[in-house]
Amino acid sequence: MDMCEYRSACAFYTELKERRPLTLESIKEEYCDGNYSGCARFMVYKTHGPYNVSKYLFPEDIHEACKILDDLN
């Protein structure tokens, strides 16, 4: 299984791991261990680094990620 290269540095992942491990499992299956290229956080992280990823950005919020990317370009 392919795993996101940024998983260990992802604040969202780390927060869920500590506070909501059951929620993390479903997100991890869908994004972290699978379709991570479809993760909004990964999109921003990959192109502009970790400091531009809002801790409030959810993996499925592609629309918000696109706005962030437009603002940074």
PDB file of N, CA and C in Angstrom:
ATOM      1  N   MET A   1       0.847  -1.185   0.000  1.00  0.00           N
ATOM      2  CA  MET A   1       0.000   0.000   0.000  1.00  0.00           C
ATOM      3  C   MET A   1       0.889   1.244   0.000  1.00  0.00           C
ATOM      4  N   ASP A   2       0.549   2.189  -0.820  1.00  0.00           N
ATOM      5  CA  ASP A   2       1.275   3.439  -0.927  1.00  0.00           C
ATOM      6  C   ASP A   2       0.837   4.379   0.199  1.00  0.00           C
ATOM      7  N   MET A   3       1.793   5.012   0.861  1.00  0.00           N
ATOM      8  CA  MET A   3       1.487   5.881   1.993  1.00  0.00           C
ATOM      9  C   MET A   3       1.981   7.303   1.700  1.00  0.00           C
ATOM     10  N   CYS A   4       1.239   8.279   2.155  1.00  0.00           N
ATOM     11  CA  CYS A   4       1.610   9.688   1.964  1.00  0.00           C
ATOM     12  C   CYS A   4       2.960   9.974   2.620  1.00  0.00           C
ATOM     13  N   GLU A   5       3.833  10.599   1.852  1.00  0.00           N
ATOM     14  CA  GLU A   5       5.169  10.914   2.363  1.00  0.00           C
ATOM     15  C   GLU A   5       5.155  11.994   3.443  1.00  0.00           C
ATOM     16  N   TYR A   6       4.069  12.745   3.551  1.00  0.00           N
ATOM     17  CA  TYR A   6       3.987  13.831   4.531  1.00  0.00           C
ATOM     18  C   TYR A   6       3.190  13.457   5.780  1.00  0.00           C
ATOM     19  N   ARG A   7       2.757  12.223   5.853  1.00  0.00           N
ATOM     20  CA  ARG A   7       1.881  11.792   6.945  1.00  0.00           C
ATOM     21  C   ARG A   7       2.468  12.097   8.322  1.00  0.00           C
ATOM     22  N   SER A   8       3.713  11.803   8.541  1.00  0.00           N
ATOM     23  CA  SER A   8       4.304  12.009   9.867  1.00  0.00           C
ATOM     24  C   SER A   8       4.439  13.491  10.225  1.00  0.00           C
ATOM     25  N   ALA A   9       4.421  14.373   9.222  1.00  0.00           N
ATOM     26  CA  ALA A   9       4.537  15.810   9.466  1.00  0.00           C
ATOM     27  C   ALA A   9       3.191  16.529   9.425  1.00  0.00           C
ATOM     28  N   CYS A  10       2.124  15.799   9.163  1.00  0.00           N
ATOM     29  CA  CYS A  10       0.800  16.403   8.998  1.00  0.00           C
ATOM     30  C   CYS A  10       0.164  16.705  10.357  1.00  0.00           C
ATOM     31  N   ALA A  11      -0.081  17.967  10.625  1.00  0.00           N
ATOM     32  CA  ALA A  11      -0.682  18.374  11.897  1.00  0.00           C
ATOM     33  C   ALA A  11      -2.081  17.785  12.060  1.00  0.00           C
ATOM     34  N   PHE A  12      -2.823  17.688  10.988  1.00  0.00           N
ATOM     35  CA  PHE A  12      -4.171  17.132  11.035  1.00  0.00           C
ATOM     36  C   PHE A  12      -4.106  15.664  11.451  1.00  0.00           C
ATOM     37  N   TYR A  13      -3.214  14.924  10.836  1.00  0.00           N
ATOM     38  CA  TYR A  13      -3.029  13.508  11.148  1.00  0.00           C
ATOM     39  C   TYR A  13      -2.622  13.332  12.615  1.00  0.00           C
ATOM     40  N   THR A  14      -1.646  14.109  13.046  1.00  0.00           N
ATOM     41  CA  THR A  14      -1.144  14.017  14.413  1.00  0.00           C
ATOM     42  C   THR A  14      -2.228  14.348  15.433  1.00  0.00           C
ATOM     43  N   GLU A  15      -2.994  15.384  15.154  1.00  0.00           N
ATOM     44  CA  GLU A  15      -4.079  15.789  16.054  1.00  0.00           C
ATOM     45  C   GLU A  15      -5.136  14.689  16.170  1.00  0.00           C
ATOM     46  N   LEU A  16      -5.539  14.133  15.036  1.00  0.00           N
ATOM     47  CA  LEU A  16      -6.539  13.060  15.076  1.00  0.00           C
ATOM     48  C   LEU A  16      -5.996  11.815  15.761  1.00  0.00           C
ATOM     49  N   LYS A  17      -4.741  11.536  15.557  1.00  0.00           N
ATOM     50  CA  LYS A  17      -4.124  10.359  16.169  1.00  0.00           C
ATOM     51  C   LYS A  17      -4.227  10.437  17.690  1.00  0.00           C
ATOM     52  N   GLU A  18      -4.041  11.634  18.227  1.00  0.00           N
ATOM     53  CA  GLU A  18      -4.088  11.831  19.675  1.00  0.00           C
ATOM     54  C   GLU A  18      -5.509  11.943  20.215  1.00  0.00           C
ATOM     55  N   ARG A  19      -6.378  12.629  19.494  1.00  0.00           N
ATOM     56  CA  ARG A  19      -7.697  12.962  20.039  1.00  0.00           C
ATOM     57  C   ARG A  19      -8.863  12.138  19.498  1.00  0.00           C
ATOM     58  N   ARG A  20      -8.763  11.674  18.260  1.00  0.00           N
ATOM     59  CA  ARG A  20      -9.876  10.955  17.623  1.00  0.00           C
ATOM     60  C   ARG A  20      -9.355   9.798  16.777  1.00  0.00           C
ATOM     61  N   PRO A  21      -8.817   8.799  17.420  1.00  0.00           N
ATOM     62  CA  PRO A  21      -8.204   7.707  16.657  1.00  0.00           C
ATOM     63  C   PRO A  21      -9.174   6.952  15.742  1.00  0.00           C
ATOM     64  N   LEU A  22     -10.432   6.846  16.110  1.00  0.00           N
ATOM     65  CA  LEU A  22     -11.393   6.151  15.251  1.00  0.00           C
ATOM     66  C   LEU A  22     -11.699   6.960  13.990  1.00  0.00           C
ATOM     67  N   THR A  23     -11.796   8.272  14.138  1.00  0.00           N
ATOM     68  CA  THR A  23     -11.997   9.141  12.975  1.00  0.00           C
ATOM     69  C   THR A  23     -10.778   9.069  12.064  1.00  0.00           C
ATOM     70  N   LEU A  24      -9.615   9.030  12.665  1.00  0.00           N
ATOM     71  CA  LEU A  24      -8.381   8.944  11.887  1.00  0.00           C
ATOM     72  C   LEU A  24      -8.360   7.704  11.009  1.00  0.00           C
ATOM     73  N   GLU A  25      -8.850   6.595  11.513  1.00  0.00           N
ATOM     74  CA  GLU A  25      -8.822   5.354  10.738  1.00  0.00           C
ATOM     75  C   GLU A  25      -9.539   5.490   9.399  1.00  0.00           C
ATOM     76  N   SER A  26     -10.715   6.114   9.397  1.00  0.00           N
ATOM     77  CA  SER A  26     -11.441   6.262   8.133  1.00  0.00           C
ATOM     78  C   SER A  26     -10.748   7.253   7.198  1.00  0.00           C
ATOM     79  N   ILE A  27     -10.218   8.324   7.739  1.00  0.00           N
ATOM     80  CA  ILE A  27      -9.496   9.302   6.923  1.00  0.00           C
ATOM     81  C   ILE A  27      -8.201   8.703   6.402  1.00  0.00           C
ATOM     82  N   LYS A  28      -7.523   7.965   7.241  1.00  0.00           N
ATOM     83  CA  LYS A  28      -6.263   7.335   6.865  1.00  0.00           C
ATOM     84  C   LYS A  28      -6.463   6.367   5.697  1.00  0.00           C
ATOM     85  N   GLU A  29      -7.517   5.580   5.762  1.00  0.00           N
ATOM     86  CA  GLU A  29      -7.806   4.633   4.678  1.00  0.00           C
ATOM     87  C   GLU A  29      -8.067   5.357   3.364  1.00  0.00           C
ATOM     88  N   GLU A  30      -8.818   6.447   3.438  1.00  0.00           N
ATOM     89  CA  GLU A  30      -9.201   7.156   2.217  1.00  0.00           C
ATOM     90  C   GLU A  30      -8.081   8.023   1.655  1.00  0.00           C
ATOM     91  N   TYR A  31      -7.320   8.668   2.519  1.00  0.00           N
ATOM     92  CA  TYR A  31      -6.317   9.626   2.051  1.00  0.00           C
ATOM     93  C   TYR A  31      -4.872   9.223   2.349  1.00  0.00           C
ATOM     94  N   CYS A  32      -4.536   9.032   3.582  1.00  0.00           N
ATOM     95  CA  CYS A  32      -3.138   8.841   3.987  1.00  0.00           C
ATOM     96  C   CYS A  32      -2.505   7.578   3.415  1.00  0.00           C
ATOM     97  N   ASP A  33      -3.284   6.506   3.338  1.00  0.00           N
ATOM     98  CA  ASP A  33      -2.755   5.234   2.852  1.00  0.00           C
ATOM     99  C   ASP A  33      -3.282   4.877   1.471  1.00  0.00           C
ATOM    100  N   GLY A  34      -3.867   5.811   0.811  1.00  0.00           N
ATOM    101  CA  GLY A  34      -4.439   5.497  -0.491  1.00  0.00           C
ATOM    102  C   GLY A  34      -4.336   6.654  -1.449  1.00  0.00           C
ATOM    103  N   ASN A  35      -5.414   7.409  -1.540  1.00  0.00           N
ATOM    104  CA  ASN A  35      -5.517   8.505  -2.496  1.00  0.00           C
ATOM    105  C   ASN A  35      -4.966   9.806  -1.909  1.00  0.00           C
ATOM    106  N   TYR A  36      -3.739   9.764  -1.433  1.00  0.00           N
ATOM    107  CA  TYR A  36      -3.198  10.973  -0.807  1.00  0.00           C
ATOM    108  C   TYR A  36      -3.015  12.113  -1.794  1.00  0.00           C
ATOM    109  N   SER A  37      -2.860  11.817  -3.066  1.00  0.00           N
ATOM    110  CA  SER A  37      -2.738  12.897  -4.058  1.00  0.00           C
ATOM    111  C   SER A  37      -4.058  13.657  -4.201  1.00  0.00           C
ATOM    112  N   GLY A  38      -5.168  13.086  -3.727  1.00  0.00           N
ATOM    113  CA  GLY A  38      -6.463  13.746  -3.731  1.00  0.00           C
ATOM    114  C   GLY A  38      -6.758  14.469  -2.428  1.00  0.00           C
ATOM    115  N   CYS A  39      -5.785  14.511  -1.538  1.00  0.00           N
ATOM    116  CA  CYS A  39      -5.933  15.181  -0.238  1.00  0.00           C
ATOM    117  C   CYS A  39      -5.610  16.668  -0.394  1.00  0.00           C
ATOM    118  N   ALA A  40      -6.509  17.505   0.068  1.00  0.00           N
ATOM    119  CA  ALA A  40      -6.313  18.954  -0.026  1.00  0.00           C
ATOM    120  C   ALA A  40      -5.045  19.386   0.701  1.00  0.00           C
ATOM    121  N   ARG A  41      -4.774  18.789   1.827  1.00  0.00           N
ATOM    122  CA  ARG A  41      -3.583  19.129   2.604  1.00  0.00           C
ATOM    123  C   ARG A  41      -2.312  18.751   1.834  1.00  0.00           C
ATOM    124  N   PHE A  42      -2.328  17.578   1.221  1.00  0.00           N
ATOM    125  CA  PHE A  42      -1.181  17.127   0.439  1.00  0.00           C
ATOM    126  C   PHE A  42      -0.918  18.075  -0.729  1.00  0.00           C
ATOM    127  N   MET A  43      -1.975  18.512  -1.382  1.00  0.00           N
ATOM    128  CA  MET A  43      -1.834  19.403  -2.536  1.00  0.00           C
ATOM    129  C   MET A  43      -1.074  20.674  -2.160  1.00  0.00           C
ATOM    130  N   VAL A  44      -1.452  21.286  -1.053  1.00  0.00           N
ATOM    131  CA  VAL A  44      -0.797  22.525  -0.622  1.00  0.00           C
ATOM    132  C   VAL A  44       0.609  22.228  -0.116  1.00  0.00           C
ATOM    133  N   TYR A  45       0.732  21.195   0.685  1.00  0.00           N
ATOM    134  CA  TYR A  45       2.029  20.820   1.254  1.00  0.00           C
ATOM    135  C   TYR A  45       3.052  20.535   0.156  1.00  0.00           C
ATOM    136  N   LYS A  46       2.633  19.781  -0.835  1.00  0.00           N
ATOM    137  CA  LYS A  46       3.542  19.367  -1.910  1.00  0.00           C
ATOM    138  C   LYS A  46       4.058  20.553  -2.720  1.00  0.00           C
ATOM    139  N   THR A  47       3.203  21.524  -2.971  1.00  0.00           N
ATOM    140  CA  THR A  47       3.615  22.640  -3.826  1.00  0.00           C
ATOM    141  C   THR A  47       4.190  23.836  -3.070  1.00  0.00           C
ATOM    142  N   HIS A  48       3.763  24.045  -1.820  1.00  0.00           N
ATOM    143  CA  HIS A  48       4.195  25.250  -1.100  1.00  0.00           C
ATOM    144  C   HIS A  48       4.700  25.012   0.307  1.00  0.00           C
ATOM    145  N   GLY A  49       4.861  23.768   0.709  1.00  0.00           N
ATOM    146  CA  GLY A  49       5.450  23.450   1.999  1.00  0.00           C
ATOM    147  C   GLY A  49       4.468  23.457   3.157  1.00  0.00           C
ATOM    148  N   PRO A  50       4.918  22.966   4.296  1.00  0.00           N
ATOM    149  CA  PRO A  50       4.045  22.770   5.452  1.00  0.00           C
ATOM    150  C   PRO A  50       3.520  24.054   6.086  1.00  0.00           C
ATOM    151  N   TYR A  51       4.239  25.141   5.966  1.00  0.00           N
ATOM    152  CA  TYR A  51       3.820  26.378   6.633  1.00  0.00           C
ATOM    153  C   TYR A  51       2.625  27.043   5.964  1.00  0.00           C
ATOM    154  N   ASN A  52       2.286  26.597   4.787  1.00  0.00           N
ATOM    155  CA  ASN A  52       1.139  27.164   4.078  1.00  0.00           C
ATOM    156  C   ASN A  52      -0.115  26.310   4.201  1.00  0.00           C
ATOM    157  N   VAL A  53      -0.022  25.217   4.946  1.00  0.00           N
ATOM    158  CA  VAL A  53      -1.172  24.338   5.146  1.00  0.00           C
ATOM    159  C   VAL A  53      -1.858  24.735   6.452  1.00  0.00           C
ATOM    160  N   SER A  54      -3.069  25.224   6.341  1.00  0.00           N
ATOM    161  CA  SER A  54      -3.837  25.594   7.519  1.00  0.00           C
ATOM    162  C   SER A  54      -4.138  24.360   8.350  1.00  0.00           C
ATOM    163  N   LYS A  55      -4.019  24.476   9.666  1.00  0.00           N
ATOM    164  CA  LYS A  55      -4.337  23.322  10.506  1.00  0.00           C
ATOM    165  C   LYS A  55      -5.824  23.002  10.464  1.00  0.00           C
ATOM    166  N   TYR A  56      -6.614  23.908   9.928  1.00  0.00           N
ATOM    167  CA  TYR A  56      -8.060  23.713   9.818  1.00  0.00           C
ATOM    168  C   TYR A  56      -8.491  23.153   8.463  1.00  0.00           C
ATOM    169  N   LEU A  57      -7.539  22.942   7.570  1.00  0.00           N
ATOM    170  CA  LEU A  57      -7.854  22.428   6.241  1.00  0.00           C
ATOM    171  C   LEU A  57      -8.106  20.920   6.319  1.00  0.00           C
ATOM    172  N   PHE A  58      -9.305  20.510   5.930  1.00  0.00           N
ATOM    173  CA  PHE A  58      -9.663  19.096   5.948  1.00  0.00           C
ATOM    174  C   PHE A  58      -9.192  18.427   4.658  1.00  0.00           C
ATOM    175  N   PRO A  59      -8.856  17.149   4.714  1.00  0.00           N
ATOM    176  CA  PRO A  59      -8.357  16.456   3.523  1.00  0.00           C
ATOM    177  C   PRO A  59      -9.292  16.521   2.320  1.00  0.00           C
ATOM    178  N   GLU A  60     -10.591  16.554   2.559  1.00  0.00           N
ATOM    179  CA  GLU A  60     -11.550  16.560   1.448  1.00  0.00           C
ATOM    180  C   GLU A  60     -11.878  17.958   0.925  1.00  0.00           C
ATOM    181  N   ASP A  61     -11.317  18.990   1.509  1.00  0.00           N
ATOM    182  CA  ASP A  61     -11.666  20.366   1.149  1.00  0.00           C
ATOM    183  C   ASP A  61     -10.815  20.886  -0.017  1.00  0.00           C
ATOM    184  N   ILE A  62     -11.007  20.278  -1.171  1.00  0.00           N
ATOM    185  CA  ILE A  62     -10.251  20.623  -2.377  1.00  0.00           C
ATOM    186  C   ILE A  62     -10.512  22.071  -2.801  1.00  0.00           C
ATOM    187  N   HIS A  63     -11.743  22.528  -2.651  1.00  0.00           N
ATOM    188  CA  HIS A  63     -12.084  23.906  -3.027  1.00  0.00           C
ATOM    189  C   HIS A  63     -11.228  24.907  -2.244  1.00  0.00           C
ATOM    190  N   GLU A  64     -11.104  24.707  -0.956  1.00  0.00           N
ATOM    191  CA  GLU A  64     -10.290  25.605  -0.120  1.00  0.00           C
ATOM    192  C   GLU A  64      -8.805  25.491  -0.485  1.00  0.00           C
ATOM    193  N   ALA A  65      -8.349  24.285  -0.774  1.00  0.00           N
ATOM    194  CA  ALA A  65      -6.954  24.100  -1.183  1.00  0.00           C
ATOM    195  C   ALA A  65      -6.671  24.858  -2.487  1.00  0.00           C
ATOM    196  N   CYS A  66      -7.602  24.815  -3.406  1.00  0.00           N
ATOM    197  CA  CYS A  66      -7.441  25.557  -4.666  1.00  0.00           C
ATOM    198  C   CYS A  66      -7.363  27.058  -4.423  1.00  0.00           C
ATOM    199  N   LYS A  67      -8.144  27.563  -3.488  1.00  0.00           N
ATOM    200  CA  LYS A  67      -8.085  28.995  -3.151  1.00  0.00           C
ATOM    201  C   LYS A  67      -6.714  29.337  -2.553  1.00  0.00           C
ATOM    202  N   ILE A  68      -6.215  28.480  -1.681  1.00  0.00           N
ATOM    203  CA  ILE A  68      -4.897  28.715  -1.079  1.00  0.00           C
ATOM    204  C   ILE A  68      -3.828  28.696  -2.161  1.00  0.00           C
ATOM    205  N   LEU A  69      -3.905  27.718  -3.044  1.00  0.00           N
ATOM    206  CA  LEU A  69      -2.909  27.630  -4.122  1.00  0.00           C
ATOM    207  C   LEU A  69      -2.967  28.833  -5.051  1.00  0.00           C
ATOM    208  N   ASP A  70      -4.164  29.300  -5.359  1.00  0.00           N
ATOM    209  CA  ASP A  70      -4.302  30.496  -6.203  1.00  0.00           C
ATOM    210  C   ASP A  70      -3.693  31.707  -5.527  1.00  0.00           C
ATOM    211  N   ASP A  71      -3.903  31.849  -4.233  1.00  0.00           N
ATOM    212  CA  ASP A  71      -3.363  32.982  -3.482  1.00  0.00           C
ATOM    213  C   ASP A  71      -1.830  32.943  -3.429  1.00  0.00           C
ATOM    214  N   LEU A  72      -1.260  31.750  -3.379  1.00  0.00           N
ATOM    215  CA  LEU A  72       0.184  31.608  -3.270  1.00  0.00           C
ATOM    216  C   LEU A  72       0.910  31.691  -4.610  1.00  0.00           C
ATOM    217  N   ASN A  73       0.179  31.501  -5.676  1.00  0.00           N
ATOM    218  CA  ASN A  73       0.821  31.559  -7.004  1.00  0.00           C
ATOM    219  C   ASN A  73       0.863  32.943  -7.556  1.00  0.00           C
TER     220      ASN A  73
END
